[in-house]
Amino acid sequence: MRLDARIVDLFTGGITFLPRGERTKLTDGMQTWLASFIRAQNDISRFKLADLLEYSGSKAKLRRFGEHIRDTMPKLKAAGCVVDYYFGRGYLVIER
């Protein structure tokens, strides 16, 4: 899987690795991408799902992508990547 160039630009100059304890609890793909993306955002805690879809480079329809994010978030919480989260209409809010 290749990342869209816009995703790579977001990570330039920032820490994008995941601590080993978090990384070993996640699977490759959406889980690791979303965990890394969230970690790279220092002060942002609310994300539009449409923006996440665009940043990810996924070709999925927004509805399916949102379902995938909803499936992924409990795993990120269990791994300690986020303290909590909730979904609004068309967006994701995380608590670090």
C-alpha atoms as a PDB file:
ATOM      1  CA  MET A   1       0.000   0.000   0.000  1.00  0.00           C
ATOM      2  CA  ARG A   2       1.305   3.430  -0.903  1.00  0.00           C
ATOM      3  CA  LEU A   3       0.350   6.601   0.908  1.00  0.00           C
ATOM      4  CA  ASP A   4      -0.996   9.552  -0.965  1.00  0.00           C
ATOM      5  CA  ALA A   5       1.606  12.341  -1.254  1.00  0.00           C
ATOM      6  CA  ARG A   6      -0.683  14.622   0.783  1.00  0.00           C
ATOM      7  CA  ILE A   7      -0.473  12.181   3.687  1.00  0.00           C
ATOM      8  CA  VAL A   8       3.297  12.134   3.499  1.00  0.00           C
ATOM      9  CA  ASP A   9       3.318  15.945   3.597  1.00  0.00           C
ATOM     10  CA  LEU A  10       1.306  15.912   6.816  1.00  0.00           C
ATOM     11  CA  PHE A  11       3.993  13.847   8.522  1.00  0.00           C
ATOM     12  CA  THR A  12       6.989  15.876   7.368  1.00  0.00           C
ATOM     13  CA  GLY A  13       8.936  17.116  10.349  1.00  0.00           C
ATOM     14  CA  GLY A  14       6.738  15.439  12.945  1.00  0.00           C
ATOM     15  CA  ILE A  15       6.962  12.245  14.927  1.00  0.00           C
ATOM     16  CA  THR A  16       5.009   9.582  13.110  1.00  0.00           C
ATOM     17  CA  PHE A  17       6.150   6.378  14.732  1.00  0.00           C
ATOM     18  CA  LEU A  18       3.984   4.421  17.104  1.00  0.00           C
ATOM     19  CA  PRO A  19       5.365   3.255  20.431  1.00  0.00           C
ATOM     20  CA  ARG A  20       6.006  -0.498  20.407  1.00  0.00           C
ATOM     21  CA  GLY A  21       3.298  -1.156  23.008  1.00  0.00           C
ATOM     22  CA  GLU A  22       0.658   0.468  20.800  1.00  0.00           C
ATOM     23  CA  ARG A  23       2.008  -0.854  17.498  1.00  0.00           C
ATOM     24  CA  THR A  24       2.000  -4.503  18.521  1.00  0.00           C
ATOM     25  CA  LYS A  25      -1.721  -4.297  19.363  1.00  0.00           C
ATOM     26  CA  LEU A  26      -2.674  -2.986  15.914  1.00  0.00           C
ATOM     27  CA  THR A  27      -2.883  -4.562  12.489  1.00  0.00           C
ATOM     28  CA  ASP A  28      -1.356  -3.048   9.367  1.00  0.00           C
ATOM     29  CA  GLY A  29      -3.594  -0.860   7.272  1.00  0.00           C
ATOM     30  CA  MET A  30      -6.333   1.348   8.649  1.00  0.00           C
ATOM     31  CA  GLN A  31      -5.440   0.764  12.307  1.00  0.00           C
ATOM     32  CA  THR A  32      -1.797   1.750  11.995  1.00  0.00           C
ATOM     33  CA  TRP A  33      -2.500   4.536   9.507  1.00  0.00           C
ATOM     34  CA  LEU A  34      -5.173   6.154  11.665  1.00  0.00           C
ATOM     35  CA  ALA A  35      -3.125   5.773  14.862  1.00  0.00           C
ATOM     36  CA  SER A  36      -0.111   7.412  13.176  1.00  0.00           C
ATOM     37  CA  PHE A  37      -2.260  10.144  11.674  1.00  0.00           C
ATOM     38  CA  ILE A  38      -3.831  10.977  15.045  1.00  0.00           C
ATOM     39  CA  ARG A  39      -0.441  10.944  16.777  1.00  0.00           C
ATOM     40  CA  ALA A  40       0.919  13.413  14.199  1.00  0.00           C
ATOM     41  CA  GLN A  41      -1.861  15.914  14.934  1.00  0.00           C
ATOM     42  CA  ASN A  42      -0.655  17.841  17.974  1.00  0.00           C
ATOM     43  CA  ASP A  43      -3.620  20.101  18.554  1.00  0.00           C
ATOM     44  CA  ILE A  44      -6.436  18.743  16.406  1.00  0.00           C
ATOM     45  CA  SER A  45      -9.022  16.513  18.000  1.00  0.00           C
ATOM     46  CA  ARG A  46     -11.960  16.834  15.583  1.00  0.00           C
ATOM     47  CA  PHE A  47     -11.717  15.407  12.096  1.00  0.00           C
ATOM     48  CA  LYS A  48     -14.204  15.421   9.235  1.00  0.00           C
ATOM     49  CA  LEU A  49     -14.617  11.904   7.883  1.00  0.00           C
ATOM     50  CA  ALA A  50     -14.496  13.289   4.340  1.00  0.00           C
ATOM     51  CA  ASP A  51     -11.093  14.838   5.087  1.00  0.00           C
ATOM     52  CA  LEU A  52      -9.787  11.579   6.566  1.00  0.00           C
ATOM     53  CA  LEU A  53     -10.974   9.767   3.445  1.00  0.00           C
ATOM     54  CA  GLU A  54      -9.124  12.241   1.237  1.00  0.00           C
ATOM     55  CA  TYR A  55      -5.945  12.178   3.348  1.00  0.00           C
ATOM     56  CA  SER A  56      -5.890   8.376   3.404  1.00  0.00           C
ATOM     57  CA  GLY A  57      -5.920   8.082  -0.368  1.00  0.00           C
ATOM     58  CA  SER A  58      -8.642   5.437  -0.078  1.00  0.00           C
ATOM     59  CA  LYS A  59     -10.899   4.851  -3.044  1.00  0.00           C
ATOM     60  CA  ALA A  60     -13.787   3.761  -0.782  1.00  0.00           C
ATOM     61  CA  LYS A  61     -17.107   5.558  -0.736  1.00  0.00           C
ATOM     62  CA  LEU A  62     -17.498   7.890   2.258  1.00  0.00           C
ATOM     63  CA  ARG A  63     -20.137   5.715   3.892  1.00  0.00           C
ATOM     64  CA  ARG A  64     -17.986   2.575   3.736  1.00  0.00           C
ATOM     65  CA  PHE A  65     -14.909   4.494   4.858  1.00  0.00           C
ATOM     66  CA  GLY A  66     -16.844   5.847   7.855  1.00  0.00           C
ATOM     67  CA  GLU A  67     -17.882   2.305   8.770  1.00  0.00           C
ATOM     68  CA  HIS A  68     -14.253   1.250   8.624  1.00  0.00           C
ATOM     69  CA  ILE A  69     -13.261   4.137  10.919  1.00  0.00           C
ATOM     70  CA  ARG A  70     -16.048   3.149  13.337  1.00  0.00           C
ATOM     71  CA  ASP A  71     -14.728  -0.427  13.378  1.00  0.00           C
ATOM     72  CA  THR A  72     -11.162   0.803  13.926  1.00  0.00           C
ATOM     73  CA  MET A  73     -11.675   3.220  16.810  1.00  0.00           C
ATOM     74  CA  PRO A  74     -12.429   0.632  19.540  1.00  0.00           C
ATOM     75  CA  LYS A  75      -9.152  -1.070  18.612  1.00  0.00           C
ATOM     76  CA  LEU A  76      -7.230   2.204  18.900  1.00  0.00           C
ATOM     77  CA  LYS A  77      -8.800   2.834  22.292  1.00  0.00           C
ATOM     78  CA  ALA A  78      -7.942  -0.693  23.483  1.00  0.00           C
ATOM     79  CA  ALA A  79      -4.337  -0.209  22.291  1.00  0.00           C
ATOM     80  CA  GLY A  80      -4.047   3.052  24.235  1.00  0.00           C
ATOM     81  CA  CYS A  81      -3.751   5.280  21.164  1.00  0.00           C
ATOM     82  CA  VAL A  82      -6.721   7.389  22.294  1.00  0.00           C
ATOM     83  CA  VAL A  83      -8.425   7.793  25.665  1.00  0.00           C
ATOM     84  CA  ASP A  84     -11.883   8.066  24.167  1.00  0.00           C
ATOM     85  CA  TYR A  85     -13.721   9.092  21.022  1.00  0.00           C
ATOM     86  CA  TYR A  86     -17.165   9.788  19.641  1.00  0.00           C
ATOM     87  CA  PHE A  87     -18.742  10.331  16.278  1.00  0.00           C
ATOM     88  CA  GLY A  88     -20.905  13.222  15.215  1.00  0.00           C
ATOM     89  CA  ARG A  89     -22.651  13.589  11.920  1.00  0.00           C
ATOM     90  CA  GLY A  90     -19.786  13.342   9.454  1.00  0.00           C
ATOM     91  CA  TYR A  91     -16.926  13.739  11.930  1.00  0.00           C
ATOM     92  CA  LEU A  92     -14.799  11.990  14.529  1.00  0.00           C
ATOM     93  CA  VAL A  93     -13.747  13.553  17.834  1.00  0.00           C
ATOM     94  CA  ILE A  94     -10.925  12.034  19.835  1.00  0.00           C
ATOM     95  CA  GLU A  95      -9.688  12.538  23.377  1.00  0.00           C
ATOM     96  CA  ARG A  96      -5.983  11.938  23.930  1.00  0.00           C
END
